[in-house]
Amino acid sequence: MKKRCLFDNSMFGTGILFLFSLFVFACAGQQVVSEPPPPVPSDLNNILIVSFKDMSKGFQDNTSVRCPLCGKIFTGGEVWEDAPNILTEQLVNLFKARNDFKLIPFAYNQQVRTGAAENKEGFSERDMLIEAGRKFGADAVMGGYIYRFRDRVGSDYSVDSPASVAFGLHLLRVADGRVLWSAHFDETQHSLNENLFHFDTFLKRDGKWITGREMAISALQDMLATLRK
């Protein structure tokens, strides 16, 4: 299989580079900025983090998979076996670095997902999260869902297959089950030639093909930056 290069120098002569620069800066002003999320109430402090759930089980690659909380559709695919642990551990570490939320000890253990609430007949995913929150005395519960988590095949500068990651994260208030905050990430890395609109991301990643882990962790950091400003 022919390896793909992230940046093809042959596409640039002096004149082409100049036109490309104009194109990039022209497009920069046309980027769509999403509406800021509603602020998370300041009286919600005790957070229960439930382990990320692999949503790919039972589905073939490229099958549409619906989020169990918000209904958003993702294209499912391969999910690393360790992906739920990787994302859950990183999420916990990011919360530990903050001073505006308090984590409930051991609340992010996988046993929360495999407990009695998940096995009760007629219990939805939302019901399971809320019951777990009540059991642990949480003000809110955070649950995450992974739809794709595929690593790159190749090196920093050439790949046979790029990293591809898709996941969602939701914060629910225990008192009434309302979803207070949601964030989603869905990306398959492309070369600069394939996607000229993401020049800023190309620079942020130092012009490299990144790993699935790097992609996911960076996305989590960006997500949580919007949680409570």
Protein backbone atom coordinates (compact mmCIF):
# COMPACT_ATOMS: atom_id res chain seq x y z
CA MET A 1 0.00 0.00 0.00
CA LYS A 2 1.35 3.41 -0.92
CA LYS A 3 2.05 5.56 2.10
CA ARG A 4 0.37 8.94 2.38
CA CYS A 5 2.42 12.02 3.19
CA LEU A 6 0.84 14.73 5.32
CA PHE A 7 2.47 17.53 3.35
CA ASP A 8 3.38 17.24 -0.33
CA ASN A 9 6.15 19.71 -1.18
CA SER A 10 5.68 19.15 -4.91
CA MET A 11 2.39 21.11 -4.85
CA PHE A 12 4.16 24.31 -3.98
CA GLY A 13 6.08 26.60 -6.26
CA THR A 14 6.60 30.21 -5.32
CA GLY A 15 3.47 31.37 -7.11
CA ILE A 16 1.33 28.48 -5.81
CA LEU A 17 2.51 29.09 -2.24
CA PHE A 18 1.46 32.73 -2.53
CA LEU A 19 -2.00 31.82 -3.84
CA PHE A 20 -2.37 29.16 -1.19
CA SER A 21 -1.54 31.66 1.56
CA LEU A 22 -4.23 34.00 0.26
CA PHE A 23 -6.69 31.10 0.15
CA VAL A 24 -5.96 30.05 3.71
CA PHE A 25 -6.36 33.51 5.16
CA ALA A 26 -9.51 34.12 3.12
CA CYS A 27 -11.05 30.89 4.43
CA ALA A 28 -10.03 31.62 8.01
CA GLY A 29 -12.65 34.33 8.24
CA GLN A 30 -15.36 31.97 7.00
CA GLN A 31 -15.01 29.36 9.71
CA VAL A 32 -18.24 28.50 11.46
CA VAL A 33 -18.13 29.16 15.22
CA SER A 34 -20.56 27.08 17.25
CA GLU A 35 -22.75 28.71 19.88
CA PRO A 36 -21.17 28.63 23.36
CA PRO A 37 -22.68 25.99 25.66
CA PRO A 38 -24.90 27.13 28.53
CA PRO A 39 -22.93 27.63 31.75
CA VAL A 40 -22.91 24.72 34.17
CA PRO A 41 -24.61 25.90 37.42
CA SER A 42 -22.13 26.88 40.11
CA ASP A 43 -23.93 24.79 42.75
CA LEU A 44 -23.02 21.56 40.94
CA ASN A 45 -19.74 20.52 42.48
CA ASN A 46 -19.68 16.80 43.25
CA ILE A 47 -19.14 14.96 39.97
CA LEU A 48 -19.44 11.23 39.36
CA ILE A 49 -17.41 10.12 36.34
CA VAL A 50 -18.64 6.90 34.79
CA SER A 51 -16.27 4.95 32.55
CA PHE A 52 -16.50 5.56 28.81
CA LYS A 53 -18.64 3.01 26.99
CA ASP A 54 -17.62 1.29 23.74
CA MET A 55 -20.58 1.78 21.39
CA SER A 56 -19.06 -0.26 18.53
CA LYS A 57 -20.01 -3.65 19.97
CA GLY A 58 -22.64 -5.39 17.87
CA PHE A 59 -22.13 -3.03 14.90
CA GLN A 60 -20.10 -3.42 11.72
CA ASP A 61 -17.67 -0.73 10.57
CA ASN A 62 -19.25 2.31 8.91
CA THR A 63 -22.61 1.61 10.53
CA SER A 64 -24.56 4.61 11.84
CA VAL A 65 -24.63 4.54 15.64
CA ARG A 66 -26.93 6.78 17.70
CA CYS A 67 -25.88 8.43 20.96
CA PRO A 68 -28.06 6.97 23.76
CA LEU A 69 -28.46 10.38 25.41
CA CYS A 70 -28.72 13.05 22.70
CA GLY A 71 -29.59 11.03 19.60
CA LYS A 72 -26.66 12.37 17.53
CA ILE A 73 -25.57 9.96 14.79
CA PHE A 74 -21.93 8.85 14.41
CA THR A 75 -20.24 6.58 11.90
CA GLY A 76 -19.08 3.65 13.98
CA GLY A 77 -15.86 1.76 13.48
CA GLU A 78 -13.06 -0.11 15.19
CA VAL A 79 -12.54 0.76 18.87
CA TRP A 80 -9.34 -0.16 20.66
CA GLU A 81 -9.91 -2.49 23.58
CA ASP A 82 -8.08 -0.07 25.88
CA ALA A 83 -9.81 3.05 24.52
CA PRO A 84 -12.43 3.30 27.34
CA ASN A 85 -9.69 3.07 29.97
CA ILE A 86 -7.47 5.58 28.16
CA LEU A 87 -10.21 8.19 27.85
CA THR A 88 -11.60 7.63 31.35
CA GLU A 89 -8.18 7.92 32.96
CA GLN A 90 -7.40 11.10 31.01
CA LEU A 91 -10.80 12.60 31.88
CA VAL A 92 -10.22 11.93 35.58
CA ASN A 93 -6.75 13.50 35.41
CA LEU A 94 -8.13 16.61 33.72
CA PHE A 95 -10.76 17.00 36.44
CA LYS A 96 -8.16 16.52 39.17
CA ALA A 97 -6.24 19.47 37.73
CA ARG A 98 -9.28 21.75 38.21
CA ASN A 99 -10.46 23.41 41.41
CA ASP A 100 -14.10 24.04 40.46
CA PHE A 101 -15.32 20.44 40.74
CA LYS A 102 -14.91 17.70 43.32
CA LEU A 103 -14.58 14.10 42.15
CA ILE A 104 -16.30 11.44 44.23
CA PRO A 105 -13.64 8.86 45.28
CA PHE A 106 -13.56 5.76 43.06
CA ALA A 107 -16.73 6.90 41.32
CA TYR A 108 -15.21 6.41 37.89
CA ASN A 109 -14.64 2.70 38.45
CA GLN A 110 -15.97 0.42 35.71
CA GLN A 111 -18.12 -1.33 38.34
CA VAL A 112 -20.53 1.61 38.18
CA ARG A 113 -21.46 0.56 34.65
CA THR A 114 -21.76 -3.12 35.42
CA GLY A 115 -23.79 -2.67 38.59
CA ALA A 116 -27.42 -3.47 39.29
CA ALA A 117 -28.80 -0.34 37.61
CA GLU A 118 -27.62 -1.42 34.17
CA ASN A 119 -29.25 -4.81 34.56
CA LYS A 120 -32.69 -3.61 35.64
CA GLU A 121 -35.38 -4.29 33.10
CA GLY A 122 -36.53 -1.17 31.29
CA PHE A 123 -33.63 0.97 32.52
CA SER A 124 -32.30 3.36 29.88
CA GLU A 125 -28.73 4.64 29.74
CA ARG A 126 -29.92 7.90 31.30
CA ASP A 127 -31.66 5.98 34.11
CA MET A 128 -28.49 4.03 34.81
CA LEU A 129 -26.38 7.18 35.06
CA ILE A 130 -28.86 8.98 37.32
CA GLU A 131 -29.25 6.02 39.67
CA ALA A 132 -25.47 5.70 39.91
CA GLY A 133 -25.27 9.41 40.74
CA ARG A 134 -27.83 9.07 43.51
CA LYS A 135 -26.08 6.03 44.91
CA PHE A 136 -22.79 7.94 45.20
CA GLY A 137 -24.35 11.22 46.38
CA ALA A 138 -23.33 13.18 43.27
CA ASP A 139 -24.75 16.49 42.09
CA ALA A 140 -24.07 15.49 38.49
CA VAL A 141 -22.87 12.52 36.46
CA MET A 142 -20.56 12.57 33.45
CA GLY A 143 -20.77 9.75 30.92
CA GLY A 144 -18.85 9.24 27.70
CA TYR A 145 -19.45 7.11 24.58
CA ILE A 146 -16.86 5.95 22.03
CA TYR A 147 -17.92 5.29 18.44
CA ARG A 148 -14.50 4.97 16.75
CA PHE A 149 -10.96 4.79 18.08
CA ARG A 150 -8.47 3.69 15.44
CA ASP A 151 -4.76 4.38 15.60
CA ARG A 152 -2.62 5.47 12.68
CA VAL A 153 -0.68 2.84 10.75
CA GLY A 154 2.65 4.42 9.91
CA SER A 155 4.93 7.10 11.28
CA ASP A 156 4.84 10.81 12.11
CA TYR A 157 5.27 11.83 8.48
CA SER A 158 3.83 9.01 6.37
CA VAL A 159 0.99 6.57 6.98
CA ASP A 160 -0.91 3.73 5.37
CA SER A 161 -3.96 4.62 7.46
CA PRO A 162 -4.54 7.74 9.62
CA ALA A 163 -5.94 7.93 13.14
CA SER A 164 -9.73 8.15 13.36
CA VAL A 165 -11.61 8.96 16.58
CA ALA A 166 -15.23 9.74 17.45
CA PHE A 167 -16.71 10.11 20.93
CA GLY A 168 -19.19 12.14 22.94
CA LEU A 169 -19.33 13.39 26.51
CA HIS A 170 -22.37 14.45 28.55
CA LEU A 171 -23.02 15.96 31.99
CA LEU A 172 -26.37 15.14 33.60
CA ARG A 173 -27.91 16.71 36.70
CA VAL A 174 -28.91 13.99 39.17
CA ALA A 175 -31.87 15.92 40.62
CA ASP A 176 -33.91 15.90 37.40
CA GLY A 177 -31.89 13.92 34.83
CA ARG A 178 -31.41 16.95 32.59
CA VAL A 179 -28.41 17.03 30.25
CA LEU A 180 -26.62 20.24 31.22
CA TRP A 181 -23.64 20.04 28.88
CA SER A 182 -22.56 17.97 25.90
CA ALA A 183 -19.51 17.86 23.66
CA HIS A 184 -18.64 15.70 20.67
CA PHE A 185 -15.54 14.94 18.65
CA ASP A 186 -15.40 13.19 15.28
CA GLU A 187 -12.29 13.27 13.10
CA THR A 188 -10.26 11.20 10.69
CA GLN A 189 -6.97 12.99 10.13
CA HIS A 190 -6.35 14.13 6.56
CA SER A 191 -3.29 15.44 4.81
CA LEU A 192 -3.00 19.17 4.18
CA ASN A 193 -3.56 18.50 0.48
CA GLU A 194 -6.87 16.78 1.26
CA ASN A 195 -8.18 19.40 3.64
CA LEU A 196 -6.87 22.93 3.16
CA PHE A 197 -9.44 24.37 5.55
CA HIS A 198 -7.68 22.89 8.61
CA PHE A 199 -4.39 24.70 8.18
CA ASP A 200 -4.46 25.88 11.83
CA THR A 201 -4.82 22.28 13.01
CA PHE A 202 -1.98 21.27 10.68
CA LEU A 203 0.28 23.83 12.38
CA LYS A 204 -0.89 22.87 15.89
CA ARG A 205 0.12 19.28 15.22
CA ASP A 206 3.54 20.32 13.86
CA GLY A 207 2.69 18.88 10.45
CA LYS A 208 2.63 15.30 11.76
CA TRP A 209 0.32 12.33 11.54
CA ILE A 210 -0.73 11.95 15.17
CA THR A 211 -1.78 8.80 17.01
CA GLY A 212 -5.34 8.01 18.04
CA ARG A 213 -4.40 8.55 21.67
CA GLU A 214 -2.93 11.99 20.94
CA MET A 215 -6.00 12.96 18.94
CA ALA A 216 -8.40 11.85 21.69
CA ILE A 217 -6.52 13.50 24.56
CA SER A 218 -6.26 16.81 22.71
CA ALA A 219 -10.00 16.66 22.00
CA LEU A 220 -10.80 16.01 25.66
CA GLN A 221 -8.73 19.02 26.71
CA ASP A 222 -10.58 21.24 24.25
CA MET A 223 -13.96 19.88 25.37
CA LEU A 224 -13.43 20.49 29.07
CA ALA A 225 -12.22 24.02 28.41
CA THR A 226 -15.86 24.85 27.60
CA LEU A 227 -17.39 23.16 30.63
CA ARG A 228 -17.36 26.08 33.06
CA LYS A 229 -15.64 29.34 32.17
